[in-house]
Protein backbone atom coordinates (compact mmCIF):
# COMPACT_ATOMS: atom_id res chain seq x y z
CA MET A 1 59.50 74.63 116.61
CA LYS A 2 63.04 74.43 115.27
CA ASP A 3 65.62 72.46 117.26
CA THR A 4 68.72 74.46 118.13
CA PRO A 5 71.96 72.85 119.24
CA LEU A 6 73.04 73.65 122.77
CA GLU A 7 76.72 73.59 121.90
CA LYS A 8 78.45 76.49 120.21
CA PRO A 9 80.23 75.63 116.97
CA LEU A 10 83.98 75.28 117.31
CA PRO A 11 86.17 77.94 115.74
CA PRO A 12 88.14 76.87 112.68
CA VAL A 13 91.39 75.13 113.50
CA GLN A 14 94.46 77.06 112.49
CA PRO A 15 97.45 75.31 110.95
CA MET A 16 99.82 73.72 113.47
CA ARG A 17 103.54 73.39 112.73
CA THR A 18 106.04 70.88 114.06
CA VAL A 19 109.30 71.96 115.68
CA ALA A 20 111.11 70.83 112.51
CA ASP A 21 108.75 72.90 110.31
CA VAL A 22 109.34 76.01 112.43
CA ALA A 23 113.11 75.45 112.44
CA ALA A 24 113.14 75.18 108.65
CA ARG A 25 111.01 78.30 108.28
CA LEU A 26 113.23 80.32 110.64
CA GLN A 27 116.39 78.76 109.15
CA VAL A 28 117.65 77.63 112.56
CA HIS A 29 118.35 74.28 114.20
CA THR A 30 115.55 72.39 115.94
CA LYS A 31 117.46 72.80 119.22
CA THR A 32 117.14 76.57 118.83
CA VAL A 33 113.37 76.25 118.48
CA ARG A 34 113.22 74.02 121.56
CA ARG A 35 115.26 76.60 123.52
CA LEU A 36 112.81 79.33 122.46
CA ILE A 37 109.94 77.15 123.69
CA GLU A 38 111.68 76.44 127.03
CA ALA A 39 112.40 80.17 127.48
CA GLY A 40 108.71 80.96 126.91
CA GLU A 41 109.46 83.08 123.85
CA LEU A 42 107.57 80.78 121.48
CA HIS A 43 104.15 79.51 122.56
CA VAL A 44 103.51 75.84 122.03
CA HIS A 45 100.65 73.36 122.28
CA GLN A 46 101.52 69.96 123.65
CA ILE A 47 99.56 67.11 122.13
CA GLY A 48 100.61 63.96 123.92
CA ARG A 49 104.40 64.09 123.80
CA GLN A 50 104.46 66.17 120.63
CA HIS A 51 104.89 69.94 120.47
CA ARG A 52 102.97 71.92 117.88
CA ILE A 53 103.22 75.64 117.19
CA ALA A 54 100.15 77.45 115.91
CA GLU A 55 100.70 79.59 112.82
CA ASP A 56 99.41 82.68 114.66
CA ASP A 57 101.90 82.10 117.50
CA LEU A 58 104.76 81.75 115.03
CA LEU A 59 103.77 84.96 113.24
CA ALA A 60 103.48 86.77 116.59
CA PHE A 61 106.97 85.56 117.57
CA ILE A 62 108.40 86.78 114.25
CA ALA A 63 106.73 90.18 114.72
CA ARG A 64 108.11 90.51 118.26
CA SER A 65 111.58 89.55 117.05
CA ARG A 66 111.80 92.33 114.46
CA LYS A 67 114.13 95.21 115.23
């Protein structure tokens, strides 16, 4: 009989960007990115004391921001 793992495999990890990376990509200051995070407009993952923005969340923010 074949052994099967009880745990499901984890989904692939998507790229995570720093606040500075996002600011450079959006051509804004890092303070602007932090304000967007505080306002809840840009979703963020907190790892320890560091903030990371998932690529999918950044793309979703850009799509919502289009006029």
